[in-house]
Each structure stands twice: as structure tokens, then as C-alpha cells.
Amino acid sequence: MPGGVRRMAGLTGPRRSGHAVAADQLAAMALPLGDDGVVVGNDADGRPWLAGLVRPEPYEVVLVGGLWTAQVLALRLAGAGARVAVETGRAQVWTSLVQAAGAGQECMALYDVGRVPRLGPSVSSPVVVVRDCGVRPPRGRVTSAPWQSVLTLLPYLSPTAPRLLRQASLVGVQRVSPEEAQQIGRLMQIPEQDVPALSTLGDGVTLWCTRRDRQYALTQPTDAESGLLGRARRLD
């Protein structure tokens, strides 16, 4: 992966303060220990990289990339216990995923653009709204809130993109044109020497960044994800 990229230190899930339990209570514990978040890919050393996409405060994520990656993230978020609301004008490309993810449970639902209802997020029932509304998404009727994150998918940059990137807490960038790479580099304060790499990224590779930190991650699908979504691809 391109050099000169700092290891991401601040984008894993929120850390919790430590707790002590008696030794005889350990067998009753069923919760995983470690950072909160979902695996969005592997880092340059092949280690899983987790991103905390569900938080106790409003959290906005923008992915300038392909439908495949957005769907993998939606599937993994649902598997991690979030309720996923997909706001889209192309329901046909999401229907099979929503049906497969549900397995009899209402963990993922489809809504037309502008028709997402109030979802009542809470610490025990967090929500992620995935907005697949084209290159000029209208302002969302349902916005980010505590325990309710919003992930906006942009297939490429448009005049509305700078506003969305400036407002985002986390931005994912997949392969873009050299012109788009320059614009994203300015908006996200990416070092000039790293900008050309954005137009050469392979399918499944995403640069996740804030204005302080950056991390490349390669999303590798599980067998189940490959069977449902196919191989990684940047273009829909």
C-alpha cells in the first residue's frame, strides 16, 4: 500500500473504562472484549482494522466509492447488532441483500429517498442509515444522532460533495480520477505526495481518513459475502 501514510490511531471504536469482576463470575461473561466497531478491511500488515461506525454521539460517514463496499459494510453492521435503514432510489440493487440479511429478523430495511421514518435509536438498539441517493443526495430527513450514524455513498464527486466531506466525521475514498483526487486531497488535507495514489487504488481498497489520520484498508469478503455480492469492485 502507498507509503507515507500514518497508522490510524483515533478511528477505532470508542474505548470503555475498565471494569473488575470476581474470578467466579468470568464464566458468565458473553460479551467480546476489545475495541468496538466492525472490520472494514485489513491494514498494510494484513491485520483486521476496525472502525467504530456506531457511537454515543452523532456520527457522519461519507464513502466516495462503490456500491459493493457500502453493501459489505451494511451487512457487517447488521451482523454486529445495528439496525440498518437503507435510503435509496434503486431498491432493486438492495432487495436481495436485505432479504438475506434479515433471516426472519428486522435488522435491515429499505426506504425510498426522503421516506425514512424516526427510528428510535438507543444504546441497546443502535441505528445506521445508509444513504444511497446518487451524486446529489438531498438533505436527509433523518439525521445523525446519539447511537444513530449516517453513511452517505457518493459514486463520485459532485458540487454537493465538498459540503458533505467537510461535515463528515470519517471519509472513505476508493479509486477516483486524478482531478477528484486533487480535490479530495485539499478537502481532507492529505499530503501532496499521497494524493496520486487515490487514482490507482485497487478494487476493494479504501483510504479511510479524517483531517488528522489516514488508514488504507483492503476489504476482503467472507465466503458468504462473496456468494451474495460477488467479488470486490469499484464500479457498480
Foldseek 3Di string as FASTA:
>chain_A
DDPPADDDDPFWADDDDDDDDDPVCVVVDDDDDDTDAFFLFAFPVRHTDGGHQFAQFFAEEEEQFAPLSVLVRLLRVLVSQEQEEEEEPCCVVCVLSCVVSQPVHRRYYYDYQQGDDDDDADPNHAYEYEYHYEQDRDPHPDGTGGSYYYYYYYPAHDPCVLVSLLPHPKYKAAADDLVRLVVVCVSLVPPPVCSVVSNVHDFQWIWMGHSVHITIGRGDDDPVSCVRRNDGDGYD
